Amino acid sequence: MSCAGKLHHRNAWENSTTRCASRVLPTGLAVLDDMLPEGGWPKAGVVEVTESGDSACAMELFMPALARLTRQGHGLVLVAPPYSARKRIFTNVGVNPVEVMQVNPHPGRSALWTVESLLRSGDCGVVMAWPGCDTELMDKRLRKAAMQGRVLCVLFRPPCRRMALSSSNLRLGVDVDEDGRALYLLDGRGERLAGVVWEWSSGAG
C-alpha cells in the first residue's frame, strides 16, 4: 500500500534491545492490566473493541500507551477515524502529533485492505481502525498480518458486532453511562469472561 511506504521504517518492536522483551505492552491503567490475560496489550496482534457510546470513551483505554509510544518515536496510524477519536488524539498533550498519520480509504472493504497492508509493512507501532465492514476471514488475515509486521492493531466495532465470531487476539466490550464506564473481557463468541467498572471524566488526559 502506497501510504505504508511513506512511513519511515522503524518497526516498533524489532531491534537488538527488545528481541527478548515481553510480548505485551503495559496499558498504563492498573485495573486494565489486572484484567487482561497477559497483563497488557499484545505487541503483535489484534485487539477488537466493541463500544456502545462515543469512540472517544473507548480511546481512553489506549491513551497512556499511545502517549508513551509516540514519545518514543513509534508511529501511530489512524484508518478512517471518526471526528471524536481524531480530536481525542490531537488534543492529548502526551501524544506526539509528529508520529500520527491519518488514512481515509474509500468506504467498505478498502479500509480492511489498507489496515492489512499497514500491518504487514511493519512501518509503524500501532494501527487503529474503524472499518465499516468485516468478515471472519479478514479477521484471520489481520491477525496474521499483525504478527508478521509485529504491530499492535486496534479495531473499533459497533455494538452489533459484539456477539459475532472473532479471531482477534483480544476482545473487549465498553459500555458507557452517566456514572462511568464498564469494561468487559470477551471470548471469541462475545461472551463475558470478566469485567470492571471505573470512573471517567471527559476532561481526562
Protein backbone atom coordinates (compact mmCIF):
# COMPACT_ATOMS: atom_id res chain seq x y z
CA MET A 1 0.00 0.00 0.00
CA SER A 2 1.48 3.36 -1.01
CA CYS A 3 0.59 5.05 2.30
CA ALA A 4 2.65 2.48 4.18
CA GLY A 5 5.66 3.22 2.02
CA LYS A 6 5.59 6.85 3.09
CA LEU A 7 6.27 5.91 6.69
CA HIS A 8 9.81 5.64 7.94
CA HIS A 9 10.75 2.02 8.52
CA ARG A 10 11.02 1.72 12.27
CA ASN A 11 9.40 -1.46 13.49
CA ALA A 12 8.10 -0.75 16.96
CA TRP A 13 9.46 -3.92 18.49
CA GLU A 14 12.18 -5.36 16.24
CA ASN A 15 15.59 -4.20 17.44
CA SER A 16 18.52 -5.62 19.32
CA THR A 17 17.36 -4.40 22.72
CA THR A 18 13.81 -5.72 22.54
CA ARG A 19 14.07 -9.13 20.88
CA CYS A 20 13.68 -10.83 24.26
CA ALA A 21 11.21 -8.35 25.74
CA SER A 22 7.76 -9.25 26.96
CA ARG A 23 5.09 -9.95 24.37
CA VAL A 24 2.80 -7.34 25.91
CA LEU A 25 2.77 -3.58 26.32
CA PRO A 26 1.54 -2.25 29.69
CA THR A 27 -1.70 -0.32 29.24
CA GLY A 28 -0.83 2.30 31.84
CA LEU A 29 -4.09 1.51 33.66
CA ALA A 30 -3.61 -0.87 36.58
CA VAL A 31 -7.23 -2.06 36.66
CA LEU A 32 -6.98 -2.95 32.98
CA ASP A 33 -3.61 -4.70 33.23
CA ASP A 34 -5.02 -6.81 36.04
CA MET A 35 -7.96 -7.94 33.92
CA LEU A 36 -6.16 -8.71 30.67
CA PRO A 37 -4.91 -12.31 30.29
CA GLU A 38 -1.25 -11.38 29.77
CA GLY A 39 -1.26 -8.10 31.68
CA GLY A 40 -1.21 -5.66 28.76
CA TRP A 41 -1.78 -5.04 25.06
CA PRO A 42 -0.29 -7.59 22.64
CA LYS A 43 2.69 -6.04 20.89
CA ALA A 44 1.96 -8.08 17.77
CA GLY A 45 -1.73 -8.87 17.48
CA VAL A 46 -5.27 -7.60 17.09
CA VAL A 47 -7.41 -6.04 19.83
CA GLU A 48 -11.09 -5.69 19.00
CA VAL A 49 -13.18 -3.18 20.95
CA THR A 50 -16.95 -3.01 20.68
CA GLU A 51 -18.32 0.24 22.02
CA SER A 52 -21.80 1.39 22.90
CA GLY A 53 -21.03 5.09 23.12
CA ASP A 54 -18.71 7.74 21.73
CA SER A 55 -15.41 6.49 20.27
CA ALA A 56 -13.54 8.96 22.45
CA CYS A 57 -14.57 6.95 25.52
CA ALA A 58 -13.10 3.70 24.24
CA MET A 59 -9.99 5.60 23.14
CA GLU A 60 -9.25 6.33 26.81
CA LEU A 61 -8.18 2.72 27.24
CA PHE A 62 -5.24 3.28 24.90
CA MET A 63 -4.15 6.84 25.61
CA PRO A 64 -1.42 6.08 28.18
CA ALA A 65 0.21 3.53 25.86
CA LEU A 66 -0.17 5.74 22.79
CA ALA A 67 1.38 8.70 24.56
CA ARG A 68 4.35 6.62 25.65
CA LEU A 69 4.89 5.02 22.23
CA THR A 70 4.65 8.23 20.19
CA ARG A 71 7.04 10.00 22.54
CA GLN A 72 9.47 7.12 21.91
CA GLY A 73 9.22 7.67 18.14
CA HIS A 74 6.84 4.84 17.23
CA GLY A 75 4.29 5.74 14.58
CA LEU A 76 0.52 5.66 15.06
CA VAL A 77 -1.75 5.31 12.02
CA LEU A 78 -5.49 6.08 12.23
CA VAL A 79 -7.59 4.47 9.50
CA ALA A 80 -11.00 6.10 8.85
CA PRO A 81 -11.26 7.61 12.35
CA PRO A 82 -14.41 9.47 13.44
CA TYR A 83 -14.08 13.10 14.48
CA SER A 84 -14.31 12.33 18.21
CA ALA A 85 -11.39 9.90 18.02
CA ARG A 86 -9.23 12.31 16.00
CA LYS A 87 -9.95 15.06 18.48
CA ARG A 88 -9.03 12.83 21.43
CA ILE A 89 -5.66 12.01 19.87
CA PHE A 90 -4.67 15.51 18.79
CA THR A 91 -5.79 17.25 21.97
CA ASN A 92 -3.93 14.89 24.29
CA VAL A 93 -0.79 16.69 25.40
CA GLY A 94 1.03 13.40 25.92
CA VAL A 95 0.76 12.24 22.32
CA ASN A 96 3.45 13.39 19.89
CA PRO A 97 1.47 14.58 16.81
CA VAL A 98 4.54 14.23 14.59
CA GLU A 99 4.19 10.46 14.88
CA VAL A 100 0.47 10.39 13.98
CA MET A 101 -0.77 9.71 10.45
CA GLN A 102 -4.38 9.58 9.24
CA VAL A 103 -5.54 7.49 6.28
CA ASN A 104 -9.01 7.82 4.76
CA PRO A 105 -9.65 4.94 2.33
CA HIS A 106 -12.81 4.52 0.28
CA PRO A 107 -15.82 3.17 2.25
CA GLY A 108 -16.31 -0.57 2.53
CA ARG A 109 -13.61 -3.22 2.44
CA SER A 110 -10.94 -0.76 1.31
CA ALA A 111 -10.36 0.11 4.97
CA LEU A 112 -9.64 -3.52 5.83
CA TRP A 113 -7.20 -3.94 2.94
CA THR A 114 -5.48 -0.72 4.00
CA VAL A 115 -5.14 -1.99 7.57
CA GLU A 116 -3.73 -5.32 6.37
CA SER A 117 -1.12 -3.56 4.22
CA LEU A 118 -0.04 -1.31 7.07
CA LEU A 119 0.28 -4.24 9.45
CA ARG A 120 2.31 -6.36 7.05
CA SER A 121 4.69 -3.48 6.34
CA GLY A 122 5.74 -3.18 9.98
CA ASP A 123 6.43 0.52 9.37
CA CYS A 124 4.53 1.75 12.43
CA GLY A 125 3.97 0.74 16.03
CA VAL A 126 0.17 0.89 16.20
CA VAL A 127 -2.67 0.86 13.68
CA MET A 128 -6.12 1.91 14.93
CA ALA A 129 -9.07 1.47 12.57
CA TRP A 130 -12.82 1.96 12.34
CA PRO A 131 -13.73 -0.35 9.42
CA GLY A 132 -17.26 -0.18 8.07
CA CYS A 133 -17.47 -3.91 7.36
CA ASP A 134 -15.78 -7.16 8.30
CA THR A 135 -15.63 -10.87 7.64
CA GLU A 136 -14.35 -13.78 9.72
CA LEU A 137 -11.76 -14.48 7.00
CA MET A 138 -10.50 -10.90 7.15
CA ASP A 139 -10.15 -11.12 10.94
CA LYS A 140 -7.78 -14.04 10.47
CA ARG A 141 -5.83 -12.18 7.77
CA LEU A 142 -5.41 -9.14 10.02
CA ARG A 143 -4.22 -11.26 12.93
CA LYS A 144 -1.64 -12.93 10.69
CA ALA A 145 -0.53 -9.58 9.27
CA ALA A 146 -0.14 -8.05 12.74
CA MET A 147 2.06 -10.93 13.84
CA GLN A 148 4.07 -10.73 10.63
CA GLY A 149 4.70 -7.00 10.93
CA ARG A 150 4.94 -7.08 14.73
CA VAL A 151 2.38 -4.29 15.08
CA LEU A 152 -0.45 -3.68 17.54
CA CYS A 153 -3.75 -3.40 15.67
CA VAL A 154 -6.86 -1.97 17.36
CA LEU A 155 -10.25 -2.36 15.65
CA PHE A 156 -13.21 -0.38 16.93
CA ARG A 157 -16.55 -2.09 16.24
CA PRO A 158 -20.22 -1.16 16.78
CA PRO A 159 -22.28 -2.95 19.49
CA CYS A 160 -23.95 -5.22 16.91
CA ARG A 161 -20.56 -6.85 16.31
CA ARG A 162 -20.17 -7.98 19.92
CA MET A 163 -21.80 -11.41 19.55
CA ALA A 164 -20.20 -12.19 16.19
CA LEU A 165 -17.39 -14.73 15.92
CA SER A 166 -13.93 -13.21 16.02
CA SER A 167 -10.34 -14.36 15.55
CA SER A 168 -8.82 -11.35 17.32
CA ASN A 169 -6.15 -11.94 19.95
CA LEU A 170 -8.11 -9.92 22.48
CA ARG A 171 -11.74 -8.73 22.61
CA LEU A 172 -13.17 -6.01 24.83
CA GLY A 173 -16.62 -4.53 25.23
CA VAL A 174 -17.12 -0.98 26.51
CA ASP A 175 -20.46 0.27 27.87
CA VAL A 176 -20.81 3.89 28.91
CA ASP A 177 -23.37 5.55 31.17
CA GLU A 178 -23.57 8.73 33.21
CA ASP A 179 -21.96 7.08 36.23
CA GLY A 180 -18.86 5.80 34.50
CA ARG A 181 -17.76 3.01 32.19
CA ALA A 182 -18.00 -0.76 32.33
CA LEU A 183 -15.33 -2.77 30.55
CA TYR A 184 -15.74 -6.45 29.71
CA LEU A 185 -13.27 -9.04 28.54
CA LEU A 186 -14.99 -11.12 25.85
CA ASP A 187 -14.31 -14.52 24.33
CA GLY A 188 -14.35 -15.33 20.63
CA ARG A 189 -18.14 -15.60 20.67
CA GLY A 190 -18.75 -12.36 22.55
CA GLU A 191 -19.50 -13.93 25.94
CA ARG A 192 -18.28 -12.05 29.00
CA LEU A 193 -15.30 -13.54 30.80
CA ALA A 194 -14.54 -10.73 33.26
CA GLY A 195 -15.39 -7.11 33.85
CA VAL A 196 -14.52 -3.94 35.74
CA VAL A 197 -16.19 -0.56 36.29
CA TRP A 198 -14.24 2.66 36.69
CA GLU A 199 -14.90 6.38 36.80
CA TRP A 200 -14.16 8.59 33.85
CA SER A 201 -14.17 12.28 33.12
CA SER A 202 -14.41 13.71 29.60
CA GLY A 203 -11.68 16.10 30.54
CA ALA A 204 -9.20 13.34 31.31
CA GLY A 205 -5.83 13.21 29.64
